[in-house]
Protein backbone atom coordinates (compact mmCIF):
# COMPACT_ATOMS: atom_id res chain seq x y z
CA MET A 1 10.14 3.49 -9.24
CA GLU A 2 11.83 5.91 -6.92
CA ALA A 3 15.46 4.68 -7.41
CA LEU A 4 15.21 4.24 -11.02
CA GLU A 5 13.65 7.74 -11.49
CA SER A 6 16.44 9.26 -9.29
CA LEU A 7 19.07 7.93 -11.69
CA SER A 8 17.50 8.14 -14.99
CA SER A 9 17.71 11.79 -15.87
CA ARG A 10 21.51 11.48 -15.40
CA TYR A 11 21.71 8.28 -17.25
CA MET A 12 19.87 9.57 -20.20
CA LYS A 13 22.15 12.73 -20.56
CA LEU A 14 25.15 10.41 -20.37
CA ILE A 15 23.70 8.11 -22.99
CA THR A 16 22.84 11.08 -25.45
CA TYR A 17 26.20 12.63 -24.91
CA SER A 18 28.09 9.20 -25.56
CA MET A 19 25.98 8.36 -28.61
CA GLU A 20 26.85 11.68 -30.30
CA SER A 21 30.35 11.20 -29.51
CA ILE A 22 30.46 7.58 -30.76
CA LEU A 23 28.21 8.36 -33.83
CA PRO A 24 28.27 12.13 -34.63
CA ARG A 25 25.35 13.57 -36.34
CA THR A 26 27.73 15.00 -38.94
CA ILE A 27 30.55 12.86 -40.07
CA ASP A 28 34.03 14.66 -40.65
CA ASP A 29 37.43 13.53 -42.12
CA ALA A 30 39.06 13.21 -38.68
CA TYR A 31 36.50 10.93 -37.46
CA LEU A 32 36.57 8.67 -40.39
CA LYS A 33 40.41 8.45 -40.29
CA ARG A 34 40.30 7.68 -36.67
CA VAL A 35 37.59 4.78 -36.86
CA SER A 36 38.90 3.32 -40.26
CA GLY A 37 42.65 3.45 -39.46
CA LEU A 38 43.35 4.79 -42.96
CA SER A 39 45.07 8.20 -43.07
CA GLY A 40 45.72 8.51 -46.75
CA MET A 41 42.25 8.39 -48.06
CA ARG A 42 39.86 11.21 -49.43
CA PHE A 43 36.50 10.27 -47.75
CA ASP A 44 33.30 11.62 -48.96
CA THR A 45 31.93 12.72 -45.63
CA GLU A 46 28.75 13.91 -47.10
CA ALA A 47 27.82 10.63 -48.53
CA ILE A 48 28.67 8.73 -45.29
CA THR A 49 26.88 11.37 -43.18
CA LYS A 50 23.66 11.20 -45.48
CA SER A 51 23.56 7.36 -45.70
CA VAL A 52 24.65 6.32 -42.29
CA SER A 53 24.39 9.10 -39.79
CA VAL A 54 21.21 10.80 -40.93
CA PRO A 55 19.09 7.68 -41.08
CA ALA A 56 20.64 6.40 -37.97
CA TRP A 57 19.81 9.55 -36.06
CA ASP A 58 16.34 9.69 -37.54
CA LEU A 59 15.57 6.37 -35.82
CA LEU A 60 17.30 7.23 -32.57
CA ASP A 61 15.64 10.70 -32.14
CA ARG A 62 12.25 8.87 -32.19
CA GLY A 63 12.88 7.70 -28.85
CA GLY A 64 13.18 4.28 -27.38
CA LYS A 65 13.46 3.20 -23.90
CA ARG A 66 17.45 2.99 -23.81
CA TRP A 67 16.94 0.41 -21.19
CA ARG A 68 19.90 -1.69 -22.58
CA PRO A 69 22.61 1.06 -21.74
CA VAL A 70 20.60 1.91 -18.60
CA LEU A 71 20.89 -1.56 -17.47
CA THR A 72 24.66 -1.68 -18.17
CA MET A 73 25.22 1.50 -16.10
CA LEU A 74 23.18 0.36 -13.37
CA THR A 75 24.96 -2.88 -13.17
CA TYR A 76 28.30 -1.13 -13.15
CA GLU A 77 27.20 1.18 -10.32
CA ALA A 78 25.69 -1.52 -8.33
CA LEU A 79 29.21 -3.11 -8.46
CA GLY A 80 30.87 -0.01 -7.13
CA GLY A 81 31.73 1.98 -10.23
CA GLU A 82 30.54 5.22 -11.73
CA ALA A 83 28.34 5.33 -14.77
CA GLU A 84 30.48 8.00 -16.57
CA GLU A 85 33.33 5.36 -16.68
CA ILE A 86 31.24 2.85 -18.75
CA ALA A 87 28.79 5.25 -20.62
CA ASP A 88 30.55 4.91 -23.94
CA LEU A 89 30.61 1.07 -23.78
CA ALA A 90 27.03 1.10 -22.59
CA VAL A 91 25.75 2.91 -25.61
CA VAL A 92 27.51 0.32 -27.98
CA THR A 93 24.63 -1.83 -27.30
CA GLU A 94 22.02 0.82 -27.94
CA LEU A 95 23.55 1.73 -31.34
CA ILE A 96 23.86 -1.97 -32.36
CA HIS A 97 20.17 -2.45 -31.24
CA ASN A 98 18.99 0.45 -33.46
CA GLY A 99 20.93 -1.13 -36.26
CA THR A 100 19.10 -4.52 -35.78
CA LEU A 101 15.94 -2.73 -35.98
CA ALA A 102 16.62 -1.16 -39.21
CA VAL A 103 17.66 -4.51 -40.76
CA ASP A 104 14.82 -6.44 -39.15
CA ASP A 105 12.11 -4.12 -40.68
CA VAL A 106 13.56 -4.75 -44.06
CA GLU A 107 13.66 -8.67 -43.42
CA ASP A 108 10.02 -8.37 -42.09
CA GLN A 109 8.69 -5.91 -44.56
CA SER A 110 7.37 -3.88 -41.72
CA GLU A 111 5.89 -0.30 -42.20
CA LEU A 112 6.16 1.39 -38.95
CA ARG A 113 8.83 1.64 -36.34
CA ARG A 114 8.12 3.95 -33.22
CA GLY A 115 5.03 5.22 -34.75
CA LYS A 116 6.79 6.45 -38.06
CA PRO A 117 7.53 4.91 -41.35
CA CYS A 118 10.56 2.41 -41.01
CA VAL A 119 14.10 3.54 -42.17
CA HIS A 120 13.92 1.49 -45.28
CA VAL A 121 10.53 3.16 -46.36
CA VAL A 122 11.97 6.70 -45.89
CA TYR A 123 15.55 6.16 -47.25
CA GLY A 124 15.46 2.90 -49.21
CA GLN A 125 16.27 -0.68 -48.46
CA ASP A 126 20.06 -0.27 -49.47
CA VAL A 127 20.61 2.58 -47.20
CA ALA A 128 18.70 0.82 -44.26
CA ILE A 129 20.59 -2.47 -44.64
CA ASN A 130 24.06 -0.83 -44.81
CA MET A 131 23.27 1.74 -42.15
CA GLY A 132 22.28 -1.25 -39.74
CA ASN A 133 25.38 -3.30 -40.73
CA THR A 134 27.54 -0.24 -40.10
CA LEU A 135 26.18 0.08 -36.60
CA TYR A 136 26.97 -3.47 -35.76
CA PHE A 137 30.72 -2.71 -35.95
CA LEU A 138 31.38 1.17 -35.84
CA PRO A 139 30.40 1.82 -32.21
CA ILE A 140 32.97 -0.53 -30.78
CA ILE A 141 35.81 0.59 -32.85
CA ALA A 142 34.80 4.25 -32.17
CA VAL A 143 34.98 3.57 -28.45
CA LEU A 144 38.38 1.70 -28.74
CA ARG A 145 39.88 4.49 -30.80
CA LYS A 146 38.54 7.24 -28.37
CA GLY A 147 40.35 5.26 -25.58
CA SER A 148 37.36 4.61 -23.41
CA ILE A 149 38.37 1.12 -22.52
CA PRO A 150 41.25 0.56 -20.19
CA ARG A 151 43.88 -1.40 -21.91
CA SER A 152 43.80 -4.15 -19.28
CA VAL A 153 40.24 -5.36 -20.46
CA VAL A 154 40.37 -4.44 -24.27
CA GLU A 155 40.91 -8.18 -25.22
CA LYS A 156 38.12 -9.26 -22.92
CA VAL A 157 35.70 -6.60 -24.15
CA LEU A 158 36.44 -7.60 -27.83
CA THR A 159 35.89 -11.25 -26.96
CA ILE A 160 32.48 -10.51 -25.38
CA PHE A 161 31.55 -8.25 -28.34
CA VAL A 162 32.29 -11.07 -31.06
CA GLU A 163 30.70 -13.77 -28.97
CA GLU A 164 27.47 -11.94 -28.41
CA MET A 165 27.22 -10.58 -31.93
CA THR A 166 27.65 -14.08 -33.13
CA ASN A 167 24.91 -15.18 -30.63
CA LEU A 168 22.62 -12.32 -31.98
CA SER A 169 22.89 -13.69 -35.61
CA LEU A 170 22.35 -17.13 -34.65
CA GLY A 171 19.12 -16.29 -32.81
CA GLN A 172 17.96 -14.25 -35.73
CA ALA A 173 18.69 -17.19 -37.98
CA ILE A 174 16.50 -19.56 -35.89
CA ASP A 175 13.70 -16.90 -35.73
CA ILE A 176 13.68 -16.35 -39.49
CA ALA A 177 13.78 -20.21 -40.04
CA TRP A 178 10.77 -20.72 -37.97
CA HIS A 179 8.58 -18.04 -39.43
CA ARG A 180 9.50 -19.10 -42.97
CA SER A 181 8.62 -22.63 -42.07
CA LEU A 182 12.06 -23.94 -42.77
CA SER A 183 12.02 -25.79 -39.51
CA SER A 184 9.34 -27.08 -37.18
CA ASN A 185 11.79 -27.96 -34.16
CA TYR A 186 10.30 -25.50 -31.84
CA ASP A 187 8.99 -26.08 -28.37
CA GLU A 188 9.09 -24.06 -25.24
CA HIS A 189 12.87 -24.69 -24.66
CA ALA A 190 13.73 -23.85 -28.20
CA TYR A 191 11.93 -20.68 -28.01
CA LEU A 192 13.68 -19.61 -24.90
CA THR A 193 16.91 -20.33 -26.48
CA MET A 194 16.22 -18.37 -29.33
CA CYS A 195 15.14 -15.38 -27.31
CA SER A 196 18.28 -15.68 -25.16
CA LEU A 197 20.43 -15.58 -28.36
CA LYS A 198 18.44 -12.92 -30.37
CA THR A 199 17.29 -10.60 -27.52
CA GLY A 200 19.50 -11.68 -24.65
CA SER A 201 22.85 -11.00 -26.61
CA LEU A 202 23.09 -7.17 -26.26
CA VAL A 203 21.79 -7.42 -22.64
CA ARG A 204 24.48 -9.83 -21.79
CA MET A 205 27.07 -7.77 -23.82
CA GLY A 206 26.32 -4.79 -21.63
CA MET A 207 26.17 -6.67 -18.39
CA ARG A 208 29.50 -8.61 -19.24
CA PHE A 209 31.10 -5.39 -20.06
CA ALA A 210 30.31 -3.81 -16.67
CA CYS A 211 31.49 -7.01 -14.95
CA SER A 212 34.80 -6.79 -16.94
CA LEU A 213 35.50 -3.24 -16.02
CA ALA A 214 34.44 -3.91 -12.25
CA ASN A 215 36.63 -7.06 -12.15
CA THR A 216 33.61 -8.79 -10.78
CA ASP A 217 34.03 -12.40 -9.30
CA ALA A 218 32.65 -15.32 -11.52
CA ALA A 219 29.66 -16.11 -9.16
CA THR A 220 28.49 -12.66 -9.24
CA GLU A 221 29.00 -12.37 -12.90
CA ARG A 222 27.03 -15.54 -13.43
CA ALA A 223 24.08 -14.38 -11.46
CA LEU A 224 24.08 -10.84 -13.18
CA THR A 225 24.14 -12.34 -16.63
CA ARG A 226 21.32 -14.76 -15.82
CA PHE A 227 19.43 -11.91 -14.41
CA GLY A 228 20.01 -10.09 -17.62
CA ASP A 229 19.13 -12.99 -19.80
CA SER A 230 15.72 -13.31 -17.85
CA ILE A 231 14.98 -9.60 -18.39
CA ALA A 232 15.67 -9.89 -22.08
CA VAL A 233 13.48 -13.14 -22.47
CA ALA A 234 10.63 -11.48 -20.47
CA PHE A 235 10.91 -8.19 -22.42
CA GLN A 236 10.63 -10.33 -25.88
CA ILE A 237 7.68 -12.01 -24.43
CA GLN A 238 6.06 -8.87 -23.30
CA ASP A 239 6.66 -7.52 -26.72
CA ASP A 240 5.04 -10.62 -28.34
CA VAL A 241 2.09 -10.15 -25.97
CA LEU A 242 1.85 -6.36 -26.99
CA ASN A 243 2.00 -7.34 -30.68
CA LEU A 244 -1.32 -9.26 -30.17
CA VAL A 245 -3.29 -7.16 -27.45
CA GLY A 246 -1.43 -3.89 -27.28
CA VAL A 247 -2.95 -0.46 -28.38
CA GLU A 248 -1.22 0.39 -31.77
CA HIS A 249 -0.70 4.11 -31.20
CA GLU A 250 1.08 3.28 -27.97
CA TYR A 251 2.68 0.20 -29.17
CA GLY A 252 4.26 1.96 -32.24
CA LYS A 253 4.05 -0.94 -34.52
CA GLU A 254 1.19 -2.82 -36.28
CA ILE A 255 -0.81 -4.94 -34.05
CA GLY A 256 -0.79 -8.62 -35.30
CA GLY A 257 2.43 -8.04 -37.30
CA ASP A 258 3.90 -11.18 -35.70
CA ILE A 259 1.04 -13.22 -37.13
CA LYS A 260 1.49 -11.67 -40.55
CA GLU A 261 5.23 -12.52 -40.41
CA GLY A 262 4.49 -16.23 -39.25
CA LYS A 263 6.51 -15.85 -36.01
CA ARG A 264 6.61 -18.61 -33.47
CA THR A 265 6.28 -17.06 -30.03
CA LEU A 266 5.78 -18.62 -26.64
CA MET A 267 2.03 -18.03 -27.06
CA VAL A 268 2.00 -20.13 -30.22
CA VAL A 269 4.14 -22.88 -28.62
CA HIS A 270 1.71 -22.90 -25.65
CA ALA A 271 -1.41 -22.86 -27.70
CA ILE A 272 -0.06 -25.69 -29.87
CA ARG A 273 0.77 -27.69 -27.15
CA THR A 274 -2.56 -27.30 -25.04
CA LEU A 275 -5.29 -27.06 -27.63
CA PRO A 276 -7.13 -29.98 -29.47
CA GLN A 277 -5.33 -31.05 -32.56
CA ASP A 278 -7.81 -29.46 -34.99
CA LYS A 279 -7.23 -26.01 -33.31
CA SER A 280 -3.53 -26.27 -33.21
CA LYS A 281 -3.37 -27.28 -36.74
CA ARG A 282 -5.47 -24.52 -37.86
CA LEU A 283 -3.13 -22.14 -35.82
CA GLU A 284 -0.10 -23.56 -37.65
CA GLN A 285 -1.90 -23.27 -40.89
CA ILE A 286 -2.59 -19.59 -40.54
CA LEU A 287 0.88 -18.84 -39.24
CA SER A 288 2.56 -20.88 -42.31
CA SER A 289 0.43 -18.90 -44.88
CA ARG A 290 1.85 -15.42 -43.27
CA PRO A 291 -1.49 -13.88 -43.77
CA SER A 292 -2.43 -10.31 -44.30
CA ASP A 293 -6.12 -10.80 -44.24
CA PRO A 294 -7.13 -9.13 -40.96
CA PHE A 295 -9.83 -11.80 -40.38
CA LEU A 296 -7.21 -14.61 -40.39
CA ILE A 297 -5.00 -12.44 -37.92
CA ARG A 298 -7.91 -12.08 -35.63
CA GLU A 299 -8.68 -15.71 -35.89
CA ALA A 300 -5.10 -16.63 -34.85
CA ILE A 301 -5.23 -14.20 -31.99
CA ASP A 302 -8.58 -15.63 -30.77
CA ILE A 303 -7.19 -19.05 -30.82
CA MET A 304 -4.36 -18.09 -28.66
CA LYS A 305 -6.82 -16.25 -26.18
CA GLU A 306 -8.91 -19.34 -26.13
CA ALA A 307 -6.02 -21.50 -25.06
CA GLY A 308 -5.09 -19.09 -22.23
CA SER A 309 -1.57 -18.47 -23.90
CA ILE A 310 -1.38 -14.78 -23.35
CA ASP A 311 -2.07 -15.00 -19.54
CA TYR A 312 0.44 -17.94 -19.63
CA ALA A 313 3.13 -15.82 -21.32
CA ARG A 314 2.62 -12.88 -18.88
CA THR A 315 2.80 -15.24 -15.97
CA PHE A 316 5.90 -17.02 -17.26
CA SER A 317 7.81 -13.92 -17.84
CA ARG A 318 7.31 -12.57 -14.29
CA ARG A 319 8.25 -15.89 -12.97
CA ILE A 320 11.68 -16.12 -14.69
CA VAL A 321 12.63 -12.58 -13.64
CA MET A 322 11.69 -13.12 -10.02
CA GLU A 323 13.62 -16.40 -9.90
CA ALA A 324 16.76 -14.74 -11.40
CA TRP A 325 16.41 -11.81 -8.90
CA ALA A 326 16.29 -14.13 -6.00
CA GLU A 327 19.63 -15.62 -7.11
CA LEU A 328 21.17 -12.24 -7.45
CA ASP A 329 19.75 -10.52 -4.60
CA GLY A 330 22.24 -11.57 -2.02
CA LYS A 331 25.32 -11.21 -4.28
CA LEU A 332 25.01 -7.36 -4.54
CA PRO A 333 25.27 -4.93 -1.64
CA ASP A 334 22.04 -2.77 -0.97
CA SER A 335 22.14 0.42 -2.97
CA THR A 336 20.12 2.88 -5.02
CA PRO A 337 21.45 1.24 -8.26
CA LYS A 338 20.59 -2.22 -7.07
CA GLU A 339 17.04 -1.19 -6.16
CA ALA A 340 16.86 0.41 -9.68
CA LEU A 341 17.83 -2.82 -11.24
CA ARG A 342 14.85 -4.38 -9.63
CA GLU A 343 12.56 -1.46 -10.54
CA LEU A 344 13.70 -1.67 -14.26
CA SER A 345 13.02 -5.31 -14.47
CA GLU A 346 9.59 -4.73 -13.02
CA PHE A 347 8.82 -1.99 -15.67
CA LEU A 348 10.06 -4.06 -18.63
CA ILE A 349 7.68 -6.91 -17.89
CA THR A 350 4.45 -4.90 -17.20
CA ARG A 351 5.07 -2.04 -19.91
CA SER A 352 2.23 -1.20 -22.33
CA ARG A 353 4.55 0.03 -25.06
C-alpha cells in the first residue's frame, strides 16, 4: 500500500478543507444567500446550523473511509491533473454519501452508525431525514457558486450529477422493495444491477467528474467507470459479508442487521440457487419475517455458510475487480496515482470494517 499511503495524508487534508468550505460547521447569512440565490431573505442561521450542519458534522466527524473522494482524486491525478483542482467536486460525493446514511438508517430503523447512535436516534427522525435530503443537493450548488468548476464543463457535470442521483434513488427503490418482499424478481444479475445503481452511482459520479475535467477520451472513460463500478459492487458485497461474519466493534454496525431488515444480498441469492428446496425456502421464510430473534438471525447465517455463499461472495468480488483492472491497466500511464488506484481497490475488497 506504499503508493496509496504516500498520497493519503495530502488527500485527507484536501478532503477535510473542502468539506468545511462546501458545508461550513457554522452557517452564516452570506453562505445561505450564496447557495440559495436569494438576497432579500432574513435567514435563521442558528436553525439551519443546528438542524443541518451540526448533525451532518456529528456523522462526518465519526470518521469513515472517505474512499469515494480519494478515488475521484486518484483518478484525476492518474489522468494528469492535480488533486487540488478537483477536491471540491470530489467531496460532493462524500457529503451526499453521508446524507444517504442518515436517511437509510431511518428507513432501516438502525441503531448504530460508525459505532455510535444513528443521527435520527440523537437528533430525531425529522432532522435526520431533512439533513440527509439537504446533503443530496446543497454540495453541488455550493461548489458551483464557489466557482470551483470550469464553465466549459458545468453542463456536463450537472448532467452527470442528475443522472447518478436518479440512479441512486432507483437502486434504493429496488433494495427497499426486495427487503419488504414487494418483489421476488431477484437473481444474481438483478442484485448486481441494484448494487451498481445504489452503491455505484456516487463512485461513477466522482470518476465521471474526473474524466470531464481531464477531457478524457471515451474509451478510457468507459474503462475507468467500469473499474469504479466493479469497486463499488465489490465494496457492497464485502459490506454484506461483514454484516454476517464481521466483528461488531470493528464493523461499527450490528451484526446480522441485513437479515433483520430482510435484505437480499449476493449470498442470499447464491444460497437460494444452490441449496435444496427445503433449505432455500426456510431462508426465504426467515428473511421475509424480518426477524429480531437472534436465534433466527443465526439460523439464516448458518444456512448461508452451509451453502458456501460467503466464500462465493468473497471470490466473486475479487474476480470482478481484477477483470475491470485488466481492462483499465493499459489505458493509463504508469504513475504513483495509478498504482494507488489498484491498491485502493485491493483494500476495499479485503477490509475488515
